[in-house]
Amino acid sequence: MRNTRRELGRAIGSHGELIVLEGFAQQQFVLQGRNTNRYLGREWSRTGHDLDFIFERDRCVYGVEVKNTLGYIEYSELEAKIGLCKHLGIRPVFVVRMMPKVWINEVRLRGGFTLVLKYQLYPRSHRDLANRVRTEFGLPVDAPRSLNEGTVGRFLKWHRRQL
């Protein structure tokens, strides 16, 4: 049972990354790195952290961390990822189900953006499970085919204001 839960958790996490990758690509953000702590000859070695993605568009570069979980990112990880982005000279972006408002503001004050999804995103193959979890437990889960255009549009709008 424990392995099944771990495998489901990995599948949900991987799905979150893939759906974000597709959503950003559809808006012409170019992938510059994946699961990396390096960019343009700089490397982060202070902690063992890396970024899920590095995207670039219009000469703006973003370090993107995806957390497709019901719980919040650990605050120490949030700080490390912001530090990693600062070290690499890129803007931090967090794509999360939810995050405390004070943390969202902290990311903003440090030059970044938090894209709140409101739902944990299950793979389409698990949509029946997502429906059961949502209806029986009242948890915010969904199994969409892709990110809603308006969701990625919120980031795109912020990106355009950075130009």
N, C-alpha and C. Protein backbone atom coordinates (compact mmCIF):
# COMPACT_ATOMS: atom_id res chain seq x y z
N MET A 1 0.82 -1.19 0.00
CA MET A 1 0.00 0.00 0.00
C MET A 1 0.87 1.26 0.00
N ARG A 2 1.95 1.25 0.80
CA ARG A 2 2.83 2.41 0.87
C ARG A 2 3.47 2.71 -0.48
N ASN A 3 3.91 1.66 -1.21
CA ASN A 3 4.50 1.86 -2.54
C ASN A 3 3.49 2.41 -3.52
N THR A 4 2.24 1.96 -3.42
CA THR A 4 1.18 2.45 -4.30
C THR A 4 0.97 3.94 -4.08
N ARG A 5 0.92 4.37 -2.83
CA ARG A 5 0.76 5.80 -2.52
C ARG A 5 1.94 6.60 -3.04
N ARG A 6 3.14 6.09 -2.86
CA ARG A 6 4.34 6.77 -3.33
C ARG A 6 4.32 6.89 -4.85
N GLU A 7 3.93 5.80 -5.54
CA GLU A 7 3.85 5.83 -6.99
C GLU A 7 2.80 6.81 -7.47
N LEU A 8 1.65 6.85 -6.80
CA LEU A 8 0.61 7.81 -7.17
C LEU A 8 1.11 9.24 -6.94
N GLY A 9 1.80 9.47 -5.83
CA GLY A 9 2.36 10.80 -5.56
C GLY A 9 3.35 11.22 -6.63
N ARG A 10 4.19 10.29 -7.07
CA ARG A 10 5.14 10.60 -8.14
C ARG A 10 4.42 10.89 -9.45
N ALA A 11 3.38 10.10 -9.74
CA ALA A 11 2.61 10.32 -10.98
C ALA A 11 1.94 11.68 -10.97
N ILE A 12 1.39 12.08 -9.83
CA ILE A 12 0.73 13.39 -9.71
C ILE A 12 1.76 14.50 -9.85
N GLY A 13 2.92 14.34 -9.22
CA GLY A 13 3.98 15.34 -9.33
C GLY A 13 4.49 15.48 -10.75
N SER A 14 4.74 14.35 -11.40
CA SER A 14 5.22 14.38 -12.80
C SER A 14 4.17 14.99 -13.71
N HIS A 15 2.91 14.66 -13.47
CA HIS A 15 1.84 15.22 -14.29
C HIS A 15 1.79 16.74 -14.13
N GLY A 16 1.94 17.23 -12.91
CA GLY A 16 1.95 18.67 -12.68
C GLY A 16 3.05 19.35 -13.49
N GLU A 17 4.24 18.75 -13.48
CA GLU A 17 5.34 19.32 -14.26
C GLU A 17 5.04 19.30 -15.75
N LEU A 18 4.51 18.20 -16.25
CA LEU A 18 4.24 18.10 -17.69
C LEU A 18 3.14 19.07 -18.14
N ILE A 19 2.13 19.23 -17.32
CA ILE A 19 1.03 20.13 -17.70
C ILE A 19 1.50 21.59 -17.67
N VAL A 20 2.41 21.92 -16.74
CA VAL A 20 3.00 23.27 -16.71
C VAL A 20 3.92 23.46 -17.91
N LEU A 21 4.75 22.48 -18.21
CA LEU A 21 5.63 22.56 -19.37
C LEU A 21 4.82 22.83 -20.64
N GLU A 22 3.74 22.09 -20.83
CA GLU A 22 2.90 22.29 -22.01
C GLU A 22 2.26 23.68 -22.01
N GLY A 23 1.75 24.11 -20.86
CA GLY A 23 1.10 25.42 -20.78
C GLY A 23 2.05 26.56 -21.10
N PHE A 24 3.26 26.50 -20.58
CA PHE A 24 4.24 27.55 -20.86
C PHE A 24 4.70 27.49 -22.33
N ALA A 25 4.89 26.29 -22.85
CA ALA A 25 5.30 26.15 -24.25
C ALA A 25 4.24 26.72 -25.20
N GLN A 26 2.97 26.51 -24.87
CA GLN A 26 1.90 27.04 -25.72
C GLN A 26 1.91 28.57 -25.76
N GLN A 27 2.50 29.19 -24.76
CA GLN A 27 2.60 30.65 -24.72
C GLN A 27 3.97 31.13 -25.18
N GLN A 28 4.70 30.27 -25.87
CA GLN A 28 6.01 30.57 -26.47
C GLN A 28 7.12 30.85 -25.45
N PHE A 29 7.02 30.27 -24.27
CA PHE A 29 8.14 30.31 -23.34
C PHE A 29 9.06 29.16 -23.74
N VAL A 30 10.35 29.47 -23.92
CA VAL A 30 11.32 28.50 -24.41
C VAL A 30 12.03 27.85 -23.23
N LEU A 31 12.04 26.54 -23.24
CA LEU A 31 12.70 25.77 -22.19
C LEU A 31 14.21 25.90 -22.33
N GLN A 32 14.86 26.40 -21.28
CA GLN A 32 16.32 26.54 -21.26
C GLN A 32 16.99 25.52 -20.35
N GLY A 33 16.20 24.88 -19.50
CA GLY A 33 16.76 23.88 -18.60
C GLY A 33 15.66 23.15 -17.86
N ARG A 34 15.96 21.93 -17.45
CA ARG A 34 15.00 21.13 -16.70
C ARG A 34 15.74 20.40 -15.60
N ASN A 35 15.17 20.42 -14.39
CA ASN A 35 15.78 19.78 -13.22
C ASN A 35 17.25 20.20 -13.12
N THR A 36 17.46 21.50 -13.04
CA THR A 36 18.82 22.03 -13.09
C THR A 36 19.07 23.09 -12.02
N ASN A 37 20.31 23.24 -11.68
CA ASN A 37 20.75 24.31 -10.78
C ASN A 37 21.82 25.16 -11.46
N ARG A 38 21.84 25.14 -12.82
CA ARG A 38 22.83 25.87 -13.61
C ARG A 38 22.16 26.72 -14.67
N TYR A 39 22.79 27.87 -14.94
CA TYR A 39 22.32 28.70 -16.04
C TYR A 39 23.45 29.66 -16.42
N LEU A 40 23.76 29.70 -17.70
CA LEU A 40 24.79 30.58 -18.27
C LEU A 40 26.09 30.57 -17.46
N GLY A 41 26.58 29.39 -17.18
CA GLY A 41 27.86 29.24 -16.51
C GLY A 41 27.83 29.40 -15.00
N ARG A 42 26.68 29.75 -14.45
CA ARG A 42 26.56 29.85 -12.99
C ARG A 42 25.94 28.56 -12.46
N GLU A 43 26.40 28.16 -11.27
CA GLU A 43 25.86 26.94 -10.66
C GLU A 43 25.59 27.19 -9.18
N TRP A 44 24.46 26.69 -8.72
CA TRP A 44 24.06 26.78 -7.31
C TRP A 44 24.57 25.54 -6.60
N SER A 45 25.41 25.74 -5.57
CA SER A 45 25.93 24.59 -4.83
C SER A 45 25.70 24.72 -3.32
N ARG A 46 25.02 25.77 -2.90
CA ARG A 46 24.80 26.01 -1.48
C ARG A 46 23.92 24.94 -0.84
N THR A 47 22.91 24.48 -1.56
CA THR A 47 22.04 23.41 -1.08
C THR A 47 21.93 22.38 -2.20
N GLY A 48 21.22 21.31 -1.96
CA GLY A 48 21.03 20.28 -2.99
C GLY A 48 19.85 20.55 -3.89
N HIS A 49 19.33 21.77 -3.88
CA HIS A 49 18.13 22.09 -4.65
C HIS A 49 18.42 22.38 -6.13
N ASP A 50 17.40 22.13 -6.94
CA ASP A 50 17.43 22.55 -8.33
C ASP A 50 16.04 23.09 -8.68
N LEU A 51 15.90 23.54 -9.92
CA LEU A 51 14.62 24.07 -10.41
C LEU A 51 14.01 23.08 -11.38
N ASP A 52 12.69 23.00 -11.38
CA ASP A 52 12.02 22.11 -12.32
C ASP A 52 12.28 22.57 -13.75
N PHE A 53 12.19 23.89 -13.97
CA PHE A 53 12.37 24.43 -15.32
C PHE A 53 13.06 25.78 -15.26
N ILE A 54 13.74 26.10 -16.34
CA ILE A 54 14.14 27.47 -16.62
C ILE A 54 13.55 27.79 -17.98
N PHE A 55 12.70 28.82 -18.01
CA PHE A 55 12.04 29.26 -19.24
C PHE A 55 12.51 30.67 -19.58
N GLU A 56 12.50 30.96 -20.88
CA GLU A 56 12.86 32.30 -21.34
C GLU A 56 11.86 32.76 -22.40
N ARG A 57 11.53 34.03 -22.34
CA ARG A 57 10.73 34.67 -23.37
C ARG A 57 11.01 36.16 -23.31
N ASP A 58 11.16 36.78 -24.46
CA ASP A 58 11.39 38.23 -24.54
C ASP A 58 12.58 38.67 -23.68
N ARG A 59 13.63 37.85 -23.66
CA ARG A 59 14.85 38.12 -22.89
C ARG A 59 14.61 38.15 -21.38
N CYS A 60 13.49 37.66 -20.91
CA CYS A 60 13.23 37.49 -19.48
C CYS A 60 13.36 36.01 -19.16
N VAL A 61 14.08 35.70 -18.10
CA VAL A 61 14.35 34.31 -17.75
C VAL A 61 13.76 34.01 -16.38
N TYR A 62 13.10 32.86 -16.30
CA TYR A 62 12.37 32.48 -15.09
C TYR A 62 12.80 31.09 -14.62
N GLY A 63 13.04 30.97 -13.33
CA GLY A 63 13.26 29.68 -12.70
C GLY A 63 11.92 29.23 -12.14
N VAL A 64 11.39 28.13 -12.65
CA VAL A 64 10.04 27.69 -12.31
C VAL A 64 10.08 26.43 -11.45
N GLU A 65 9.40 26.51 -10.33
CA GLU A 65 9.25 25.36 -9.43
C GLU A 65 7.78 25.01 -9.36
N VAL A 66 7.46 23.74 -9.64
CA VAL A 66 6.09 23.26 -9.64
C VAL A 66 5.86 22.41 -8.39
N LYS A 67 4.82 22.74 -7.64
CA LYS A 67 4.44 21.95 -6.47
C LYS A 67 2.98 21.56 -6.61
N ASN A 68 2.75 20.38 -7.18
CA ASN A 68 1.41 19.86 -7.42
C ASN A 68 1.01 18.98 -6.24
N THR A 69 0.93 19.61 -5.06
CA THR A 69 0.61 18.89 -3.83
C THR A 69 -0.54 19.59 -3.11
N LEU A 70 -1.19 18.85 -2.23
CA LEU A 70 -2.24 19.47 -1.42
C LEU A 70 -1.63 20.40 -0.37
N GLY A 71 -0.50 19.99 0.19
CA GLY A 71 0.16 20.81 1.20
C GLY A 71 1.03 21.89 0.58
N TYR A 72 1.48 22.80 1.43
CA TYR A 72 2.36 23.88 0.98
C TYR A 72 3.78 23.39 0.80
N ILE A 73 4.52 24.09 -0.05
CA ILE A 73 5.95 23.89 -0.15
C ILE A 73 6.54 24.20 1.23
N GLU A 74 7.59 23.51 1.61
CA GLU A 74 8.28 23.82 2.86
C GLU A 74 8.89 25.22 2.73
N TYR A 75 8.78 26.02 3.79
CA TYR A 75 9.29 27.38 3.72
C TYR A 75 10.79 27.41 3.45
N SER A 76 11.53 26.47 4.03
CA SER A 76 12.98 26.43 3.80
C SER A 76 13.28 26.14 2.32
N GLU A 77 12.46 25.33 1.68
CA GLU A 77 12.64 25.06 0.25
C GLU A 77 12.30 26.30 -0.57
N LEU A 78 11.24 27.01 -0.19
CA LEU A 78 10.88 28.25 -0.87
C LEU A 78 12.04 29.23 -0.83
N GLU A 79 12.62 29.41 0.36
CA GLU A 79 13.77 30.32 0.50
C GLU A 79 14.95 29.87 -0.35
N ALA A 80 15.22 28.56 -0.33
CA ALA A 80 16.35 28.04 -1.11
C ALA A 80 16.15 28.27 -2.61
N LYS A 81 14.93 28.05 -3.09
CA LYS A 81 14.66 28.23 -4.52
C LYS A 81 14.76 29.70 -4.92
N ILE A 82 14.30 30.60 -4.05
CA ILE A 82 14.45 32.03 -4.32
C ILE A 82 15.94 32.39 -4.36
N GLY A 83 16.71 31.87 -3.40
CA GLY A 83 18.16 32.11 -3.38
C GLY A 83 18.85 31.55 -4.62
N LEU A 84 18.44 30.37 -5.03
CA LEU A 84 18.98 29.74 -6.23
C LEU A 84 18.74 30.64 -7.44
N CYS A 85 17.51 31.13 -7.58
CA CYS A 85 17.19 32.01 -8.72
C CYS A 85 18.02 33.29 -8.67
N LYS A 86 18.14 33.87 -7.49
CA LYS A 86 18.93 35.11 -7.36
C LYS A 86 20.38 34.84 -7.78
N HIS A 87 20.92 33.73 -7.32
CA HIS A 87 22.30 33.37 -7.66
C HIS A 87 22.47 33.21 -9.18
N LEU A 88 21.48 32.62 -9.84
CA LEU A 88 21.56 32.41 -11.29
C LEU A 88 21.20 33.65 -12.09
N GLY A 89 20.67 34.67 -11.41
CA GLY A 89 20.29 35.90 -12.10
C GLY A 89 18.97 35.80 -12.85
N ILE A 90 18.05 34.97 -12.33
CA ILE A 90 16.75 34.79 -12.98
C ILE A 90 15.64 35.03 -11.97
N ARG A 91 14.42 35.21 -12.46
CA ARG A 91 13.27 35.50 -11.60
C ARG A 91 12.61 34.21 -11.12
N PRO A 92 12.28 34.13 -9.84
CA PRO A 92 11.61 32.93 -9.34
C PRO A 92 10.12 32.91 -9.66
N VAL A 93 9.64 31.75 -10.07
CA VAL A 93 8.21 31.53 -10.32
C VAL A 93 7.82 30.22 -9.65
N PHE A 94 6.76 30.28 -8.86
CA PHE A 94 6.25 29.10 -8.19
C PHE A 94 4.86 28.80 -8.74
N VAL A 95 4.67 27.58 -9.22
CA VAL A 95 3.37 27.12 -9.68
C VAL A 95 2.89 26.12 -8.63
N VAL A 96 1.87 26.51 -7.89
CA VAL A 96 1.45 25.75 -6.71
C VAL A 96 -0.07 25.61 -6.66
N ARG A 97 -0.51 24.60 -5.93
CA ARG A 97 -1.95 24.50 -5.68
C ARG A 97 -2.39 25.67 -4.82
N MET A 98 -1.62 25.93 -3.78
CA MET A 98 -1.95 27.03 -2.88
C MET A 98 -0.70 27.38 -2.09
N MET A 99 -0.66 28.64 -1.63
CA MET A 99 0.47 29.10 -0.84
C MET A 99 -0.05 30.22 0.08
N PRO A 100 0.48 30.32 1.31
CA PRO A 100 0.05 31.42 2.18
C PRO A 100 0.28 32.77 1.52
N LYS A 101 -0.66 33.67 1.71
CA LYS A 101 -0.58 34.99 1.07
C LYS A 101 0.70 35.73 1.44
N VAL A 102 1.15 35.57 2.66
CA VAL A 102 2.38 36.26 3.07
C VAL A 102 3.58 35.74 2.29
N TRP A 103 3.59 34.46 1.95
CA TRP A 103 4.67 33.89 1.14
C TRP A 103 4.56 34.37 -0.31
N ILE A 104 3.33 34.44 -0.83
CA ILE A 104 3.12 34.96 -2.19
C ILE A 104 3.66 36.37 -2.27
N ASN A 105 3.38 37.17 -1.25
CA ASN A 105 3.88 38.54 -1.23
C ASN A 105 5.41 38.57 -1.14
N GLU A 106 5.97 37.66 -0.37
CA GLU A 106 7.44 37.60 -0.26
C GLU A 106 8.06 37.28 -1.62
N VAL A 107 7.48 36.35 -2.35
CA VAL A 107 7.97 36.02 -3.70
C VAL A 107 7.88 37.27 -4.58
N ARG A 108 6.77 37.96 -4.51
CA ARG A 108 6.58 39.18 -5.31
C ARG A 108 7.62 40.23 -4.96
N LEU A 109 7.85 40.44 -3.66
CA LEU A 109 8.83 41.45 -3.23
C LEU A 109 10.25 41.09 -3.67
N ARG A 110 10.49 39.82 -3.93
CA ARG A 110 11.81 39.38 -4.36
C ARG A 110 11.88 39.20 -5.88
N GLY A 111 10.93 39.84 -6.58
CA GLY A 111 10.98 39.90 -8.03
C GLY A 111 10.30 38.76 -8.76
N GLY A 112 9.59 37.91 -8.03
CA GLY A 112 9.01 36.73 -8.65
C GLY A 112 7.50 36.74 -8.72
N PHE A 113 6.96 35.58 -9.08
CA PHE A 113 5.53 35.43 -9.29
C PHE A 113 5.10 34.07 -8.77
N THR A 114 3.90 34.03 -8.21
CA THR A 114 3.31 32.77 -7.77
C THR A 114 2.03 32.53 -8.56
N LEU A 115 2.00 31.44 -9.30
CA LEU A 115 0.82 31.06 -10.06
C LEU A 115 0.07 30.01 -9.25
N VAL A 116 -1.05 30.43 -8.67
CA VAL A 116 -1.85 29.55 -7.81
C VAL A 116 -2.87 28.82 -8.68
N LEU A 117 -2.85 27.50 -8.63
CA LEU A 117 -3.74 26.68 -9.43
C LEU A 117 -5.08 26.40 -8.74
N LYS A 118 -5.09 26.42 -7.43
CA LYS A 118 -6.25 26.12 -6.58
C LYS A 118 -6.57 24.63 -6.48
N TYR A 119 -6.10 23.83 -7.43
CA TYR A 119 -6.38 22.39 -7.44
C TYR A 119 -5.10 21.59 -7.57
N GLN A 120 -5.08 20.43 -6.94
CA GLN A 120 -4.04 19.47 -7.22
C GLN A 120 -4.46 18.76 -8.50
N LEU A 121 -3.57 18.66 -9.46
CA LEU A 121 -3.92 18.17 -10.79
C LEU A 121 -3.51 16.70 -10.95
N TYR A 122 -4.50 15.84 -11.11
CA TYR A 122 -4.28 14.42 -11.31
C TYR A 122 -4.17 14.15 -12.82
N PRO A 123 -3.43 13.08 -13.19
CA PRO A 123 -3.40 12.68 -14.59
C PRO A 123 -4.81 12.30 -15.06
N ARG A 124 -5.09 12.49 -16.34
CA ARG A 124 -6.41 12.14 -16.89
C ARG A 124 -6.73 10.67 -16.63
N SER A 125 -5.72 9.82 -16.64
CA SER A 125 -5.94 8.39 -16.40
C SER A 125 -6.49 8.12 -15.00
N HIS A 126 -6.37 9.12 -14.10
CA HIS A 126 -6.84 8.98 -12.73
C HIS A 126 -8.03 9.89 -12.43
N ARG A 127 -8.76 10.28 -13.47
CA ARG A 127 -9.86 11.24 -13.25
C ARG A 127 -10.97 10.66 -12.38
N ASP A 128 -11.23 9.34 -12.46
CA ASP A 128 -12.24 8.75 -11.59
C ASP A 128 -11.80 8.85 -10.13
N LEU A 129 -10.53 8.60 -9.87
CA LEU A 129 -10.00 8.75 -8.52
C LEU A 129 -10.09 10.21 -8.07
N ALA A 130 -9.73 11.13 -8.94
CA ALA A 130 -9.82 12.56 -8.61
C ALA A 130 -11.26 12.94 -8.24
N ASN A 131 -12.21 12.43 -9.00
CA ASN A 131 -13.62 12.72 -8.70
C ASN A 131 -14.03 12.17 -7.34
N ARG A 132 -13.58 10.96 -7.01
CA ARG A 132 -13.89 10.37 -5.70
C ARG A 132 -13.24 11.17 -4.57
N VAL A 133 -11.99 11.55 -4.75
CA VAL A 133 -11.29 12.32 -3.72
C VAL A 133 -11.99 13.66 -3.50
N ARG A 134 -12.40 14.30 -4.58
CA ARG A 134 -13.09 15.59 -4.49
C ARG A 134 -14.46 15.44 -3.82
N THR A 135 -15.25 14.45 -4.25
CA THR A 135 -16.61 14.33 -3.72
C THR A 135 -16.65 13.70 -2.33
N GLU A 136 -15.86 12.68 -2.09
CA GLU A 136 -15.91 11.98 -0.80
C GLU A 136 -15.14 12.68 0.31
N PHE A 137 -14.04 13.35 -0.05
CA PHE A 137 -13.20 13.99 0.96
C PHE A 137 -13.24 15.51 0.89
N GLY A 138 -13.84 16.04 -0.16
CA GLY A 138 -13.94 17.49 -0.30
C GLY A 138 -12.60 18.17 -0.56
N LEU A 139 -11.66 17.44 -1.12
CA LEU A 139 -10.34 18.02 -1.37
C LEU A 139 -10.30 18.66 -2.76
N PRO A 140 -9.50 19.72 -2.90
CA PRO A 140 -9.43 20.45 -4.18
C PRO A 140 -8.53 19.76 -5.19
N VAL A 141 -9.09 18.77 -5.88
CA VAL A 141 -8.36 18.04 -6.91
C VAL A 141 -9.16 18.06 -8.21
N ASP A 142 -8.46 17.92 -9.32
CA ASP A 142 -9.08 17.89 -10.63
C ASP A 142 -8.18 17.10 -11.57
N ALA A 143 -8.70 16.73 -12.74
CA ALA A 143 -7.92 15.99 -13.73
C ALA A 143 -8.15 16.60 -15.11
N PRO A 144 -7.73 17.85 -15.31
CA PRO A 144 -7.95 18.50 -16.61
C PRO A 144 -6.98 17.98 -17.67
N ARG A 145 -7.34 18.17 -18.92
CA ARG A 145 -6.46 17.78 -20.03
C ARG A 145 -5.23 18.68 -20.10
N SER A 146 -5.42 19.96 -19.74
CA SER A 146 -4.32 20.93 -19.80
C SER A 146 -4.63 22.06 -18.82
N LEU A 147 -3.66 22.92 -18.62
CA LEU A 147 -3.90 24.10 -17.80
C LEU A 147 -4.92 24.99 -18.49
N ASN A 148 -5.79 25.55 -17.71
CA ASN A 148 -6.76 26.50 -18.24
C ASN A 148 -6.02 27.67 -18.87
N GLU A 149 -6.49 28.13 -20.02
CA GLU A 149 -5.84 29.25 -20.71
C GLU A 149 -5.75 30.48 -19.82
N GLY A 150 -6.78 30.71 -19.02
CA GLY A 150 -6.77 31.85 -18.11
C GLY A 150 -5.71 31.73 -17.03
N THR A 151 -5.42 30.50 -16.62
CA THR A 151 -4.39 30.27 -15.60
C THR A 151 -3.03 30.70 -16.12
N VAL A 152 -2.65 30.17 -17.28
CA VAL A 152 -1.36 30.56 -17.87
C VAL A 152 -1.41 32.03 -18.25
N GLY A 153 -2.59 32.52 -18.63
CA GLY A 153 -2.76 33.92 -19.00
C GLY A 153 -2.41 34.87 -17.86
N ARG A 154 -2.66 34.47 -16.61
CA ARG A 154 -2.29 35.32 -15.47
C ARG A 154 -0.78 35.52 -15.42
N PHE A 155 -0.04 34.44 -15.68
CA PHE A 155 1.42 34.57 -15.70
C PHE A 155 1.87 35.41 -16.89
N LEU A 156 1.27 35.17 -18.05
CA LEU A 156 1.63 35.91 -19.25
C LEU A 156 1.39 37.41 -19.06
N LYS A 157 0.30 37.77 -18.43
CA LYS A 157 0.00 39.18 -18.15
C LYS A 157 1.08 39.77 -17.24
N TRP A 158 1.47 39.05 -16.21
CA TRP A 158 2.53 39.53 -15.32
C TRP A 158 3.84 39.65 -16.09
N HIS A 159 4.15 38.64 -16.92
CA HIS A 159 5.38 38.67 -17.72
C HIS A 159 5.43 39.94 -18.57
N ARG A 160 4.35 40.27 -19.24
CA ARG A 160 4.32 41.43 -20.10
C ARG A 160 4.54 42.72 -19.33
N ARG A 161 4.12 42.78 -18.09
CA ARG A 161 4.37 43.97 -17.27
C ARG A 161 5.84 44.08 -16.87
N GLN A 162 6.59 42.98 -16.97
CA GLN A 162 8.02 43.00 -16.62
C GLN A 162 8.87 43.57 -17.75
N LEU A 163 8.29 43.66 -18.95
CA LEU A 163 9.08 44.11 -20.12
C LEU A 163 9.32 45.61 -20.10
